[in-house]
PDB file of N, CA and C in Angstrom:
ATOM      1  N   MET A   1     119.246  -4.996  32.171  1.00  0.00           N
ATOM      2  CA  MET A   1     119.285  -3.686  31.563  1.00  0.00           C
ATOM      3  C   MET A   1     120.659  -3.466  30.959  1.00  0.00           C
ATOM      4  N   SER A   2     120.721  -2.941  29.783  1.00  0.00           N
ATOM      5  CA  SER A   2     121.993  -2.798  29.083  1.00  0.00           C
ATOM      6  C   SER A   2     122.712  -1.491  29.454  1.00  0.00           C
ATOM      7  N   TYR A   3     123.973  -1.477  29.111  1.00  0.00           N
ATOM      8  CA  TYR A   3     124.830  -0.326  29.363  1.00  0.00           C
ATOM      9  C   TYR A   3     124.912   0.516  28.101  1.00  0.00           C
ATOM     10  N   GLU A   4     125.051   1.824  28.288  1.00  0.00           N
ATOM     11  CA  GLU A   4     125.267   2.728  27.155  1.00  0.00           C
ATOM     12  C   GLU A   4     126.743   2.626  26.776  1.00  0.00           C
ATOM     13  N   ILE A   5     127.035   2.689  25.494  1.00  0.00           N
ATOM     14  CA  ILE A   5     128.411   2.642  25.003  1.00  0.00           C
ATOM     15  C   ILE A   5     128.812   4.047  24.548  1.00  0.00           C
ATOM     16  N   ALA A   6     129.925   4.534  25.069  1.00  0.00           N
ATOM     17  CA  ALA A   6     130.506   5.818  24.620  1.00  0.00           C
ATOM     18  C   ALA A   6     131.911   5.493  24.105  1.00  0.00           C
ATOM     19  N   ILE A   7     132.222   5.991  22.921  1.00  0.00           N
ATOM     20  CA  ILE A   7     133.552   5.776  22.334  1.00  0.00           C
ATOM     21  C   ILE A   7     134.209   7.136  22.204  1.00  0.00           C
ATOM     22  N   ILE A   8     135.313   7.327  22.944  1.00  0.00           N
ATOM     23  CA  ILE A   8     135.970   8.633  22.919  1.00  0.00           C
ATOM     24  C   ILE A   8     136.881   8.714  21.690  1.00  0.00           C
ATOM     25  N   ALA A   9     137.336   9.922  21.413  1.00  0.00           N
ATOM     26  CA  ALA A   9     138.025  10.271  20.175  1.00  0.00           C
ATOM     27  C   ALA A   9     139.168   9.341  19.755  1.00  0.00           C
ATOM     28  N   PRO A  10     140.151   9.004  20.618  1.00  0.00           N
ATOM     29  CA  PRO A  10     141.232   8.135  20.118  1.00  0.00           C
ATOM     30  C   PRO A  10     140.726   6.814  19.556  1.00  0.00           C
ATOM     31  N   ALA A  11     139.769   6.182  20.235  1.00  0.00           N
ATOM     32  CA  ALA A  11     139.239   4.933  19.758  1.00  0.00           C
ATOM     33  C   ALA A  11     138.390   5.132  18.487  1.00  0.00           C
ATOM     34  N   ARG A  12     137.636   6.219  18.461  1.00  0.00           N
ATOM     35  CA  ARG A  12     136.784   6.514  17.312  1.00  0.00           C
ATOM     36  C   ARG A  12     137.644   6.750  16.054  1.00  0.00           C
ATOM     37  N   ARG A  13     138.809   7.330  16.234  1.00  0.00           N
ATOM     38  CA  ARG A  13     139.709   7.578  15.074  1.00  0.00           C
ATOM     39  C   ARG A  13     140.364   6.291  14.608  1.00  0.00           C
ATOM     40  N   THR A  14     140.593   5.328  15.480  1.00  0.00           N
ATOM     41  CA  THR A  14     141.264   4.091  15.113  1.00  0.00           C
ATOM     42  C   THR A  14     140.372   3.186  14.269  1.00  0.00           C
ATOM     43  N   LEU A  15     139.134   3.056  14.618  1.00  0.00           N
ATOM     44  CA  LEU A  15     138.235   2.092  13.944  1.00  0.00           C
ATOM     45  C   LEU A  15     138.207   2.220  12.428  1.00  0.00           C
ATOM     46  N   PRO A  16     137.968   3.420  11.857  1.00  0.00           N
ATOM     47  CA  PRO A  16     137.871   3.480  10.389  1.00  0.00           C
ATOM     48  C   PRO A  16     139.167   3.134   9.649  1.00  0.00           C
ATOM     49  N   ARG A  17     140.285   3.190  10.348  1.00  0.00           N
ATOM     50  CA  ARG A  17     141.572   2.912   9.691  1.00  0.00           C
ATOM     51  C   ARG A  17     141.887   1.419   9.579  1.00  0.00           C
ATOM     52  N   LEU A  18     141.106   0.589  10.234  1.00  0.00           N
ATOM     53  CA  LEU A  18     141.392  -0.837  10.291  1.00  0.00           C
ATOM     54  C   LEU A  18     140.737  -1.574   9.117  1.00  0.00           C
ATOM     55  N   PRO A  19     141.259  -2.748   8.760  1.00  0.00           N
ATOM     56  CA  PRO A  19     140.637  -3.563   7.740  1.00  0.00           C
ATOM     57  C   PRO A  19     139.194  -3.896   8.134  1.00  0.00           C
ATOM     58  N   ARG A  20     138.333  -4.034   7.174  1.00  0.00           N
ATOM     59  CA  ARG A  20     136.912  -4.232   7.418  1.00  0.00           C
ATOM     60  C   ARG A  20     136.603  -5.392   8.338  1.00  0.00           C
ATOM     61  N   ASP A  21     137.263  -6.539   8.135  1.00  0.00           N
ATOM     62  CA  ASP A  21     136.965  -7.709   8.977  1.00  0.00           C
ATOM     63  C   ASP A  21     137.356  -7.444  10.449  1.00  0.00           C
ATOM     64  N   VAL A  22     138.482  -6.797  10.658  1.00  0.00           N
ATOM     65  CA  VAL A  22     138.909  -6.478  12.020  1.00  0.00           C
ATOM     66  C   VAL A  22     137.947  -5.476  12.636  1.00  0.00           C
ATOM     67  N   ARG A  23     137.595  -4.462  11.868  1.00  0.00           N
ATOM     68  CA  ARG A  23     136.671  -3.429  12.353  1.00  0.00           C
ATOM     69  C   ARG A  23     135.317  -4.045  12.778  1.00  0.00           C
ATOM     70  N   GLU A  24     134.811  -4.964  11.975  1.00  0.00           N
ATOM     71  CA  GLU A  24     133.537  -5.587  12.306  1.00  0.00           C
ATOM     72  C   GLU A  24     133.627  -6.472  13.558  1.00  0.00           C
ATOM     73  N   ARG A  25     134.742  -7.182  13.708  1.00  0.00           N
ATOM     74  CA  ARG A  25     134.905  -8.004  14.951  1.00  0.00           C
ATOM     75  C   ARG A  25     134.966  -7.109  16.164  1.00  0.00           C
ATOM     76  N   LEU A  26     135.662  -5.995  16.059  1.00  0.00           N
ATOM     77  CA  LEU A  26     135.739  -5.056  17.182  1.00  0.00           C
ATOM     78  C   LEU A  26     134.386  -4.446  17.487  1.00  0.00           C
ATOM     79  N   ARG A  27     133.669  -4.047  16.458  1.00  0.00           N
ATOM     80  CA  ARG A  27     132.323  -3.467  16.681  1.00  0.00           C
ATOM     81  C   ARG A  27     131.372  -4.472  17.317  1.00  0.00           C
ATOM     82  N   THR A  28     131.471  -5.721  16.904  1.00  0.00           N
ATOM     83  CA  THR A  28     130.624  -6.763  17.500  1.00  0.00           C
ATOM     84  C   THR A  28     130.955  -6.922  18.978  1.00  0.00           C
ATOM     85  N   GLU A  29     132.218  -6.931  19.311  1.00  0.00           N
ATOM     86  CA  GLU A  29     132.623  -7.046  20.726  1.00  0.00           C
ATOM     87  C   GLU A  29     132.211  -5.823  21.518  1.00  0.00           C
ATOM     88  N   ILE A  30     132.317  -4.647  20.943  1.00  0.00           N
ATOM     89  CA  ILE A  30     131.895  -3.422  21.623  1.00  0.00           C
ATOM     90  C   ILE A  30     130.393  -3.481  21.908  1.00  0.00           C
ATOM     91  N   ARG A  31     129.593  -3.895  20.926  1.00  0.00           N
ATOM     92  CA  ARG A  31     128.145  -4.023  21.159  1.00  0.00           C
ATOM     93  C   ARG A  31     127.866  -5.040  22.260  1.00  0.00           C
ATOM     94  N   ALA A  32     128.625  -6.132  22.311  1.00  0.00           N
ATOM     95  CA  ALA A  32     128.432  -7.144  23.354  1.00  0.00           C
ATOM     96  C   ALA A  32     128.730  -6.583  24.751  1.00  0.00           C
ATOM     97  N   LEU A  33     129.646  -5.612  24.834  1.00  0.00           N
ATOM     98  CA  LEU A  33     129.951  -5.024  26.121  1.00  0.00           C
ATOM     99  C   LEU A  33     128.751  -4.264  26.678  1.00  0.00           C
ATOM    100  N   SER A  34     127.845  -3.843  25.830  1.00  0.00           N
ATOM    101  CA  SER A  34     126.653  -3.138  26.315  1.00  0.00           C
ATOM    102  C   SER A  34     125.743  -4.088  27.081  1.00  0.00           C
ATOM    103  N   VAL A  35     125.811  -5.361  26.786  1.00  0.00           N
ATOM    104  CA  VAL A  35     125.006  -6.381  27.479  1.00  0.00           C
ATOM    105  C   VAL A  35     125.768  -6.919  28.704  1.00  0.00           C
ATOM    106  N   ASP A  36     127.047  -7.191  28.520  1.00  0.00           N
ATOM    107  CA  ASP A  36     127.860  -7.732  29.606  1.00  0.00           C
ATOM    108  C   ASP A  36     129.233  -7.048  29.587  1.00  0.00           C
ATOM    109  N   PRO A  37     129.429  -6.024  30.397  1.00  0.00           N
ATOM    110  CA  PRO A  37     130.713  -5.304  30.371  1.00  0.00           C
ATOM    111  C   PRO A  37     131.848  -6.082  31.030  1.00  0.00           C
ATOM    112  N   ARG A  38     131.530  -7.229  31.598  1.00  0.00           N
ATOM    113  CA  ARG A  38     132.565  -8.083  32.220  1.00  0.00           C
ATOM    114  C   ARG A  38     132.507  -9.502  31.641  1.00  0.00           C
ATOM    115  N   PRO A  39     132.750  -9.620  30.349  1.00  0.00           N
ATOM    116  CA  PRO A  39     132.640 -10.959  29.717  1.00  0.00           C
ATOM    117  C   PRO A  39     133.830 -11.818  30.081  1.00  0.00           C
ATOM    118  N   HIS A  40     133.728 -13.102  29.736  1.00  0.00           N
ATOM    119  CA  HIS A  40     134.831 -14.027  29.926  1.00  0.00           C
ATOM    120  C   HIS A  40     136.028 -13.503  29.162  1.00  0.00           C
ATOM    121  N   GLY A  41     137.181 -13.450  29.814  1.00  0.00           N
ATOM    122  CA  GLY A  41     138.399 -12.990  29.146  1.00  0.00           C
ATOM    123  C   GLY A  41     138.728 -11.536  29.403  1.00  0.00           C
ATOM    124  N   TYR A  42     137.839 -10.776  30.031  1.00  0.00           N
ATOM    125  CA  TYR A  42     138.169  -9.376  30.323  1.00  0.00           C
ATOM    126  C   TYR A  42     139.089  -9.370  31.531  1.00  0.00           C
ATOM    127  N   GLY A  43     139.783  -8.271  31.745  1.00  0.00           N
ATOM    128  CA  GLY A  43     140.627  -8.160  32.920  1.00  0.00           C
ATOM    129  C   GLY A  43     141.006  -6.731  33.197  1.00  0.00           C
ATOM    130  N   PRO A  44     141.440  -6.482  34.416  1.00  0.00           N
ATOM    131  CA  PRO A  44     141.860  -5.120  34.763  1.00  0.00           C
ATOM    132  C   PRO A  44     143.237  -4.817  34.131  1.00  0.00           C
ATOM    133  N   VAL A  45     143.471  -3.559  33.887  1.00  0.00           N
ATOM    134  CA  VAL A  45     144.788  -3.118  33.389  1.00  0.00           C
ATOM    135  C   VAL A  45     145.593  -2.740  34.617  1.00  0.00           C
ATOM    136  N   GLN A  46     146.641  -3.460  34.899  1.00  0.00           N
ATOM    137  CA  GLN A  46     147.417  -3.248  36.107  1.00  0.00           C
ATOM    138  C   GLN A  46     148.015  -1.861  36.189  1.00  0.00           C
ATOM    139  N   SER A  47     148.470  -1.320  35.079  1.00  0.00           N
ATOM    140  CA  SER A  47     149.127  -0.016  35.075  1.00  0.00           C
ATOM    141  C   SER A  47     148.149   1.152  35.064  1.00  0.00           C
ATOM    142  N   GLN A  48     146.841   0.875  34.861  1.00  0.00           N
ATOM    143  CA  GLN A  48     145.820   1.919  34.782  1.00  0.00           C
ATOM    144  C   GLN A  48     144.634   1.526  35.643  1.00  0.00           C
ATOM    145  N   PRO A  49     144.651   1.819  36.949  1.00  0.00           N
ATOM    146  CA  PRO A  49     143.537   1.428  37.809  1.00  0.00           C
ATOM    147  C   PRO A  49     142.217   1.980  37.293  1.00  0.00           C
ATOM    148  N   GLY A  50     141.185   1.179  37.326  1.00  0.00           N
ATOM    149  CA  GLY A  50     139.859   1.566  36.865  1.00  0.00           C
ATOM    150  C   GLY A  50     139.612   1.276  35.389  1.00  0.00           C
ATOM    151  N   TYR A  51     140.622   0.797  34.689  1.00  0.00           N
ATOM    152  CA  TYR A  51     140.493   0.469  33.278  1.00  0.00           C
ATOM    153  C   TYR A  51     140.479  -1.047  33.136  1.00  0.00           C
ATOM    154  N   PHE A  52     139.784  -1.494  32.086  1.00  0.00           N
ATOM    155  CA  PHE A  52     139.702  -2.917  31.776  1.00  0.00           C
ATOM    156  C   PHE A  52     140.102  -3.119  30.333  1.00  0.00           C
ATOM    157  N   ARG A  53     140.442  -4.361  29.993  1.00  0.00           N
ATOM    158  CA  ARG A  53     140.833  -4.675  28.620  1.00  0.00           C
ATOM    159  C   ARG A  53     140.199  -5.998  28.242  1.00  0.00           C
ATOM    160  N   ILE A  54     139.970  -6.106  26.947  1.00  0.00           N
ATOM    161  CA  ILE A  54     139.497  -7.389  26.406  1.00  0.00           C
ATOM    162  C   ILE A  54     140.226  -7.585  25.071  1.00  0.00           C
ATOM    163  N   ARG A  55     140.589  -8.811  24.836  1.00  0.00           N
ATOM    164  CA  ARG A  55     141.318  -9.161  23.617  1.00  0.00           C
ATOM    165  C   ARG A  55     140.333  -9.517  22.510  1.00  0.00           C
ATOM    166  N   VAL A  56     140.572  -8.999  21.305  1.00  0.00           N
ATOM    167  CA  VAL A  56     139.799  -9.338  20.113  1.00  0.00           C
ATOM    168  C   VAL A  56     140.844  -9.627  19.021  1.00  0.00           C
ATOM    169  N   GLY A  57     141.186 -10.907  18.860  1.00  0.00           N
ATOM    170  CA  GLY A  57     142.217 -11.246  17.896  1.00  0.00           C
ATOM    171  C   GLY A  57     143.552 -10.661  18.303  1.00  0.00           C
ATOM    172  N   ASP A  58     144.172  -9.900  17.397  1.00  0.00           N
ATOM    173  CA  ASP A  58     145.458  -9.237  17.678  1.00  0.00           C
ATOM    174  C   ASP A  58     145.274  -7.831  18.223  1.00  0.00           C
ATOM    175  N   TRP A  59     144.066  -7.503  18.637  1.00  0.00           N
ATOM    176  CA  TRP A  59     143.743  -6.157  19.131  1.00  0.00           C
ATOM    177  C   TRP A  59     143.212  -6.212  20.551  1.00  0.00           C
ATOM    178  N   ARG A  60     143.321  -5.107  21.229  1.00  0.00           N
ATOM    179  CA  ARG A  60     142.774  -4.933  22.568  1.00  0.00           C
ATOM    180  C   ARG A  60     141.814  -3.745  22.579  1.00  0.00           C
ATOM    181  N   ILE A  61     140.749  -3.884  23.334  1.00  0.00           N
ATOM    182  CA  ILE A  61     139.833  -2.775  23.591  1.00  0.00           C
ATOM    183  C   ILE A  61     140.076  -2.396  25.047  1.00  0.00           C
ATOM    184  N   LEU A  62     140.432  -1.138  25.271  1.00  0.00           N
ATOM    185  CA  LEU A  62     140.642  -0.611  26.609  1.00  0.00           C
ATOM    186  C   LEU A  62     139.418   0.215  26.957  1.00  0.00           C
ATOM    187  N   TYR A  63     138.818  -0.055  28.142  1.00  0.00           N
ATOM    188  CA  TYR A  63     137.573   0.616  28.481  1.00  0.00           C
ATOM    189  C   TYR A  63     137.407   0.797  29.982  1.00  0.00           C
ATOM    190  N   ARG A  64     136.467   1.660  30.347  1.00  0.00           N
ATOM    191  CA  ARG A  64     136.070   1.897  31.733  1.00  0.00           C
ATOM    192  C   ARG A  64     134.608   1.519  31.880  1.00  0.00           C
ATOM    193  N   ILE A  65     134.245   1.102  33.089  1.00  0.00           N
ATOM    194  CA  ILE A  65     132.865   0.739  33.378  1.00  0.00           C
ATOM    195  C   ILE A  65     132.355   1.668  34.488  1.00  0.00           C
ATOM    196  N   ASP A  66     131.211   2.272  34.250  1.00  0.00           N
ATOM    197  CA  ASP A  66     130.545   3.084  35.267  1.00  0.00           C
ATOM    198  C   ASP A  66     129.215   2.423  35.547  1.00  0.00           C
ATOM    199  N   ASP A  67     129.177   1.631  36.639  1.00  0.00           N
ATOM    200  CA  ASP A  67     127.971   0.869  36.977  1.00  0.00           C
ATOM    201  C   ASP A  67     126.843   1.801  37.414  1.00  0.00           C
ATOM    202  N   ALA A  68     127.164   2.890  38.084  1.00  0.00           N
ATOM    203  CA  ALA A  68     126.125   3.824  38.547  1.00  0.00           C
ATOM    204  C   ALA A  68     125.395   4.469  37.370  1.00  0.00           C
ATOM    205  N   GLU A  69     126.139   4.838  36.340  1.00  0.00           N
ATOM    206  CA  GLU A  69     125.549   5.451  35.137  1.00  0.00           C
ATOM    207  C   GLU A  69     125.173   4.416  34.094  1.00  0.00           C
ATOM    208  N   ARG A  70     125.593   3.160  34.312  1.00  0.00           N
ATOM    209  CA  ARG A  70     125.373   2.086  33.341  1.00  0.00           C
ATOM    210  C   ARG A  70     125.951   2.459  31.976  1.00  0.00           C
ATOM    211  N   ARG A  71     127.240   2.806  32.041  1.00  0.00           N
ATOM    212  CA  ARG A  71     127.946   3.265  30.835  1.00  0.00           C
ATOM    213  C   ARG A  71     129.284   2.554  30.718  1.00  0.00           C
ATOM    214  N   VAL A  72     129.610   2.125  29.503  1.00  0.00           N
ATOM    215  CA  VAL A  72     130.946   1.596  29.184  1.00  0.00           C
ATOM    216  C   VAL A  72     131.575   2.604  28.251  1.00  0.00           C
ATOM    217  N   THR A  73     132.753   3.095  28.634  1.00  0.00           N
ATOM    218  CA  THR A  73     133.447   4.082  27.819  1.00  0.00           C
ATOM    219  C   THR A  73     134.653   3.418  27.170  1.00  0.00           C
ATOM    220  N   ILE A  74     134.635   3.337  25.852  1.00  0.00           N
ATOM    221  CA  ILE A  74     135.748   2.740  25.104  1.00  0.00           C
ATOM    222  C   ILE A  74     136.802   3.849  24.981  1.00  0.00           C
ATOM    223  N   VAL A  75     137.950   3.603  25.568  1.00  0.00           N
ATOM    224  CA  VAL A  75     139.004   4.629  25.674  1.00  0.00           C
ATOM    225  C   VAL A  75     139.980   4.491  24.511  1.00  0.00           C
ATOM    226  N   GLU A  76     140.360   3.271  24.198  1.00  0.00           N
ATOM    227  CA  GLU A  76     141.394   3.057  23.196  1.00  0.00           C
ATOM    228  C   GLU A  76     141.218   1.700  22.535  1.00  0.00           C
ATOM    229  N   ILE A  77     141.589   1.621  21.293  1.00  0.00           N
ATOM    230  CA  ILE A  77     141.675   0.332  20.562  1.00  0.00           C
ATOM    231  C   ILE A  77     143.097   0.274  20.059  1.00  0.00           C
ATOM    232  N   MET A  78     143.812  -0.782  20.436  1.00  0.00           N
ATOM    233  CA  MET A  78     145.236  -0.816  20.117  1.00  0.00           C
ATOM    234  C   MET A  78     145.683  -2.235  19.800  1.00  0.00           C
ATOM    235  N   PRO A  79     146.813  -2.351  19.073  1.00  0.00           N
ATOM    236  CA  PRO A  79     147.364  -3.675  18.828  1.00  0.00           C
ATOM    237  C   PRO A  79     147.801  -4.307  20.159  1.00  0.00           C
ATOM    238  N   ARG A  80     147.745  -5.619  20.261  1.00  0.00           N
ATOM    239  CA  ARG A  80     148.096  -6.302  21.513  1.00  0.00           C
ATOM    240  C   ARG A  80     149.489  -5.986  21.988  1.00  0.00           C
ATOM    241  N   GLN A  81     150.441  -5.763  21.116  1.00  0.00           N
ATOM    242  CA  GLN A  81     151.840  -5.553  21.545  1.00  0.00           C
ATOM    243  C   GLN A  81     152.060  -4.193  22.174  1.00  0.00           C
ATOM    244  N   ASP A  82     151.140  -3.236  21.998  1.00  0.00           N
ATOM    245  CA  ASP A  82     151.293  -1.931  22.585  1.00  0.00           C
ATOM    246  C   ASP A  82     151.054  -1.977  24.100  1.00  0.00           C
ATOM    247  N   ASP A  83     151.637  -1.009  24.804  1.00  0.00           N
ATOM    248  CA  ASP A  83     151.385  -0.949  26.242  1.00  0.00           C
ATOM    249  C   ASP A  83     150.044  -0.226  26.485  1.00  0.00           C
ATOM    250  N   TYR A  84     149.690  -0.087  27.755  1.00  0.00           N
ATOM    251  CA  TYR A  84     148.361   0.419  28.079  1.00  0.00           C
ATOM    252  C   TYR A  84     148.368   1.863  28.499  1.00  0.00           C
ATOM    253  N   ARG A  85     149.270   2.665  28.037  1.00  0.00           N
ATOM    254  CA  ARG A  85     149.213   4.089  28.366  1.00  0.00           C
ATOM    255  C   ARG A  85     148.087   4.762  27.622  1.00  0.00           C
ATOM    256  N   VAL A  86     147.203   5.375  28.358  1.00  0.00           N
ATOM    257  CA  VAL A  86     146.068   6.067  27.753  1.00  0.00           C
ATOM    258  C   VAL A  86     146.562   7.367  27.151  1.00  0.00           C
ATOM    259  N   ARG A  87     146.178   7.607  25.890  1.00  0.00           N
ATOM    260  CA  ARG A  87     146.603   8.842  25.228  1.00  0.00           C
ATOM    261  C   ARG A  87     145.713  10.005  25.566  1.00  0.00           C
TER     262      ARG A  87
END
């Protein structure tokens, strides 16, 4: 059974500003999280308990997983060099 994907405002505002090829790679990875929210390469964010990150090229997707609700919430999309403070 798949997970519902919710994208909150900061991440939703970032996507349209990115180059088309980057945007499409990120969207593909976000859709894949609905099938497997814990794919190879994902990991916890040490400074933000309960948050996970996955690398997509030079970008990171920061997200939360709610197994009870079967929901993945995309919190932020940021360049890899940025830290993990949630806005």
